[in-house]
Amino acid sequence: MALFQLHVAIPDRPGSLGTIASAIGAAGGDIRGLVVVKSEDGRGYDDITVAVPGSDPADLINVLNAIGGVEVINCKPAE
């Protein structure tokens, strides 16, 4: 598994983070860290460190971006 840090924007409402966590798990990913960065204009911004199968996070990014109101802003290898 490879580690990546995702910077995501999600709707700032109850259950949004749970939806993201469930999608990550369903895609075979494992959350290793989470930092809530800020909330503004009805959106939450989080940094999520995720272990993904293999070395390419593209499938996970596609799954997350398909969730209404969710945007993966940045993805980089975790340090």
Protein backbone atom coordinates (compact mmCIF):
# COMPACT_ATOMS: atom_id res chain seq x y z
CA MET A 1 0.00 0.00 0.00
CA ALA A 2 1.14 3.52 -0.78
CA LEU A 3 0.44 6.60 1.35
CA PHE A 4 -1.08 9.75 -0.14
CA GLN A 5 -2.24 13.02 1.33
CA LEU A 6 -5.50 14.27 -0.13
CA HIS A 7 -6.69 17.84 0.28
CA VAL A 8 -10.46 17.72 -0.13
CA ALA A 9 -13.39 20.11 -0.04
CA ILE A 10 -16.68 18.69 1.21
CA PRO A 11 -20.11 20.09 2.02
CA ASP A 12 -20.06 21.45 5.57
CA ARG A 13 -23.01 19.48 6.91
CA PRO A 14 -23.50 16.52 9.24
CA GLY A 15 -22.53 13.18 7.71
CA SER A 16 -20.27 14.50 4.94
CA LEU A 17 -17.08 13.25 6.52
CA GLY A 18 -18.68 9.88 7.21
CA THR A 19 -19.64 9.58 3.55
CA ILE A 20 -16.02 10.27 2.55
CA ALA A 21 -14.68 7.74 5.06
CA SER A 22 -17.10 5.07 3.83
CA ALA A 23 -16.14 5.71 0.20
CA ILE A 24 -12.43 5.44 1.04
CA GLY A 25 -13.03 2.11 2.79
CA ALA A 26 -15.20 0.78 -0.04
CA ALA A 27 -12.40 1.62 -2.50
CA GLY A 28 -9.94 -0.42 -0.42
CA GLY A 29 -8.26 2.57 1.20
CA ASP A 30 -7.32 2.99 4.85
CA ILE A 31 -7.41 6.39 6.55
CA ARG A 32 -4.17 6.94 8.45
CA GLY A 33 -4.67 10.58 9.44
CA LEU A 34 -7.17 13.42 9.22
CA VAL A 35 -6.82 17.14 9.81
CA VAL A 36 -9.78 19.49 9.57
CA VAL A 37 -8.16 22.55 8.01
CA LYS A 38 -11.02 25.05 7.89
CA SER A 39 -14.68 25.65 7.18
CA GLU A 40 -15.93 28.57 5.11
CA ASP A 41 -18.79 29.41 2.76
CA GLY A 42 -20.58 26.14 3.47
CA ARG A 43 -17.57 23.94 2.66
CA GLY A 44 -15.15 22.06 4.86
CA TYR A 45 -11.52 21.60 3.87
CA ASP A 46 -9.69 18.55 5.16
CA ASP A 47 -6.31 16.87 4.72
CA ILE A 48 -6.70 13.11 4.73
CA THR A 49 -3.74 10.72 4.72
CA VAL A 50 -4.79 7.50 3.02
CA ALA A 51 -3.09 4.17 2.32
CA VAL A 52 -4.26 2.85 -1.04
CA PRO A 53 -3.72 -0.56 -2.65
CA GLY A 54 -0.90 -0.47 -5.19
CA SER A 55 0.76 2.82 -6.01
CA ASP A 56 -1.86 4.77 -7.99
CA PRO A 57 -4.59 6.74 -6.18
CA ALA A 58 -6.51 7.57 -9.41
CA ASP A 59 -9.39 5.15 -8.70
CA LEU A 60 -9.87 6.54 -5.20
CA ILE A 61 -9.79 10.13 -6.48
CA ASN A 62 -12.43 9.26 -9.10
CA VAL A 63 -14.66 7.65 -6.44
CA LEU A 64 -14.40 10.70 -4.18
CA ASN A 65 -14.96 13.22 -6.96
CA ALA A 66 -18.13 11.33 -7.95
CA ILE A 67 -19.72 12.11 -4.57
CA GLY A 68 -21.96 15.14 -4.86
CA GLY A 69 -20.28 18.28 -3.54
CA VAL A 70 -16.89 16.62 -2.96
CA GLU A 71 -13.75 17.82 -4.69
CA VAL A 72 -10.25 16.39 -4.36
CA ILE A 73 -8.23 19.61 -4.68
CA ASN A 74 -4.79 18.04 -4.40
CA CYS A 75 -3.20 14.62 -4.03
CA LYS A 76 0.45 14.05 -3.25
CA PRO A 77 2.57 11.26 -1.81
CA ALA A 78 2.55 11.44 1.99
CA GLU A 79 5.82 12.16 3.71
